[in-house]
Amino acid sequence: MLKFRVSRNLLVPYYQLSELIPAMSEPMTRPQLRIVKVTVGPSRHKDLIAESVRMLLSQHGHAADVDVSRTPYRG
């Protein structure tokens, strides 16, 4: 289900990943959500954040593409 939060006086839509995976009785049999691509930004430090996301995904065995947003940072 699509949810919303407020960030910097803007309404931001988001999905809670745990709700995208059907609940199963055994935690070890829960299907793994495959992450294919992550887009970071806009942010003042989007390159640094993108590298952190790459490290996080790698640590958990994901080989996803990580891109930075072309949307300009307005902070």
C-alpha atoms as a PDB file:
ATOM      1  CA  MET A   1       0.000   0.000   0.000  1.00  0.00           C
ATOM      2  CA  LEU A   2       1.308   3.443  -0.888  1.00  0.00           C
ATOM      3  CA  LYS A   3       2.061   5.542   2.190  1.00  0.00           C
ATOM      4  CA  PHE A   4       3.020   9.178   2.629  1.00  0.00           C
ATOM      5  CA  ARG A   5       5.365  11.129   4.903  1.00  0.00           C
ATOM      6  CA  VAL A   6       6.278  14.783   5.218  1.00  0.00           C
ATOM      7  CA  SER A   7       9.845  15.834   4.473  1.00  0.00           C
ATOM      8  CA  ARG A   8      10.945  19.465   4.239  1.00  0.00           C
ATOM      9  CA  ASN A   9       7.334  20.633   3.925  1.00  0.00           C
ATOM     10  CA  LEU A  10       6.720  18.287   0.983  1.00  0.00           C
ATOM     11  CA  LEU A  11       4.495  15.217   0.852  1.00  0.00           C
ATOM     12  CA  VAL A  12       6.640  12.214  -0.115  1.00  0.00           C
ATOM     13  CA  PRO A  13       5.083   8.914  -1.296  1.00  0.00           C
ATOM     14  CA  TYR A  14       6.790   5.644  -0.328  1.00  0.00           C
ATOM     15  CA  TYR A  15       6.284   1.886  -0.087  1.00  0.00           C
ATOM     16  CA  GLN A  16       7.243  -0.134   2.957  1.00  0.00           C
ATOM     17  CA  LEU A  17       9.289  -3.026   1.574  1.00  0.00           C
ATOM     18  CA  SER A  18       8.077  -5.482   4.223  1.00  0.00           C
ATOM     19  CA  GLU A  19       4.542  -5.045   2.874  1.00  0.00           C
ATOM     20  CA  LEU A  20       5.614  -5.902  -0.683  1.00  0.00           C
ATOM     21  CA  ILE A  21       6.615  -9.429   0.380  1.00  0.00           C
ATOM     22  CA  PRO A  22       3.777 -11.751   1.406  1.00  0.00           C
ATOM     23  CA  ALA A  23       4.069 -12.891   5.034  1.00  0.00           C
ATOM     24  CA  MET A  24       5.004 -16.548   5.412  1.00  0.00           C
ATOM     25  CA  SER A  25       5.020 -18.762   8.491  1.00  0.00           C
ATOM     26  CA  GLU A  26       8.778 -19.468   8.511  1.00  0.00           C
ATOM     27  CA  PRO A  27      11.111 -16.439   8.278  1.00  0.00           C
ATOM     28  CA  MET A  28      13.737 -18.501   6.401  1.00  0.00           C
ATOM     29  CA  THR A  29      11.247 -19.414   3.649  1.00  0.00           C
ATOM     30  CA  ARG A  30      10.253 -15.825   2.985  1.00  0.00           C
ATOM     31  CA  PRO A  31      11.004 -14.948  -0.671  1.00  0.00           C
ATOM     32  CA  GLN A  32      13.774 -12.405  -1.148  1.00  0.00           C
ATOM     33  CA  LEU A  33      12.852  -9.210  -2.947  1.00  0.00           C
ATOM     34  CA  ARG A  34      15.308  -8.755  -5.821  1.00  0.00           C
ATOM     35  CA  ILE A  35      16.695  -5.226  -6.035  1.00  0.00           C
ATOM     36  CA  VAL A  36      17.646  -4.328  -9.590  1.00  0.00           C
ATOM     37  CA  LYS A  37      18.268  -0.581  -9.452  1.00  0.00           C
ATOM     38  CA  VAL A  38      18.458   2.207  -6.872  1.00  0.00           C
ATOM     39  CA  THR A  39      18.345   5.921  -7.690  1.00  0.00           C
ATOM     40  CA  VAL A  40      19.815   8.282  -5.088  1.00  0.00           C
ATOM     41  CA  GLY A  41      19.020  11.950  -4.748  1.00  0.00           C
ATOM     42  CA  PRO A  42      18.445  14.729  -5.105  1.00  0.00           C
ATOM     43  CA  SER A  43      20.863  15.560  -2.326  1.00  0.00           C
ATOM     44  CA  ARG A  44      23.851  17.773  -1.712  1.00  0.00           C
ATOM     45  CA  HIS A  45      25.930  14.608  -1.138  1.00  0.00           C
ATOM     46  CA  LYS A  46      24.317  12.245  -3.644  1.00  0.00           C
ATOM     47  CA  ASP A  47      27.627  10.788  -4.897  1.00  0.00           C
ATOM     48  CA  LEU A  48      28.705   9.929  -1.360  1.00  0.00           C
ATOM     49  CA  ILE A  49      25.280   8.462  -0.574  1.00  0.00           C
ATOM     50  CA  ALA A  50      25.330   6.425  -3.812  1.00  0.00           C
ATOM     51  CA  GLU A  51      28.669   4.888  -2.811  1.00  0.00           C
ATOM     52  CA  SER A  52      27.263   4.039   0.629  1.00  0.00           C
ATOM     53  CA  VAL A  53      24.248   2.380  -0.988  1.00  0.00           C
ATOM     54  CA  ARG A  54      26.573   0.336  -3.242  1.00  0.00           C
ATOM     55  CA  MET A  55      28.493  -0.834  -0.170  1.00  0.00           C
ATOM     56  CA  LEU A  56      25.281  -1.718   1.690  1.00  0.00           C
ATOM     57  CA  LEU A  57      23.874  -3.696  -1.241  1.00  0.00           C
ATOM     58  CA  SER A  58      27.179  -5.480  -1.799  1.00  0.00           C
ATOM     59  CA  GLN A  59      27.385  -6.435   1.874  1.00  0.00           C
ATOM     60  CA  HIS A  60      23.987  -8.139   1.544  1.00  0.00           C
ATOM     61  CA  GLY A  61      24.778  -9.896  -1.734  1.00  0.00           C
ATOM     62  CA  HIS A  62      22.891  -7.637  -4.141  1.00  0.00           C
ATOM     63  CA  ALA A  63      24.384  -6.619  -7.487  1.00  0.00           C
ATOM     64  CA  ALA A  64      22.042  -3.720  -8.286  1.00  0.00           C
ATOM     65  CA  ASP A  65      22.785  -0.644 -10.379  1.00  0.00           C
ATOM     66  CA  VAL A  66      23.044   2.535  -8.297  1.00  0.00           C
ATOM     67  CA  ASP A  67      22.466   5.819 -10.127  1.00  0.00           C
ATOM     68  CA  VAL A  68      22.340   9.416  -8.949  1.00  0.00           C
ATOM     69  CA  SER A  69      19.307  11.540  -9.738  1.00  0.00           C
ATOM     70  CA  ARG A  70      19.627  14.251 -12.365  1.00  0.00           C
ATOM     71  CA  THR A  71      17.047  16.297 -10.450  1.00  0.00           C
ATOM     72  CA  PRO A  72      18.783  19.360  -8.976  1.00  0.00           C
ATOM     73  CA  TYR A  73      19.097  19.699  -5.226  1.00  0.00           C
ATOM     74  CA  ARG A  74      16.917  22.563  -3.957  1.00  0.00           C
ATOM     75  CA  GLY A  75      18.124  22.803  -0.333  1.00  0.00           C
END
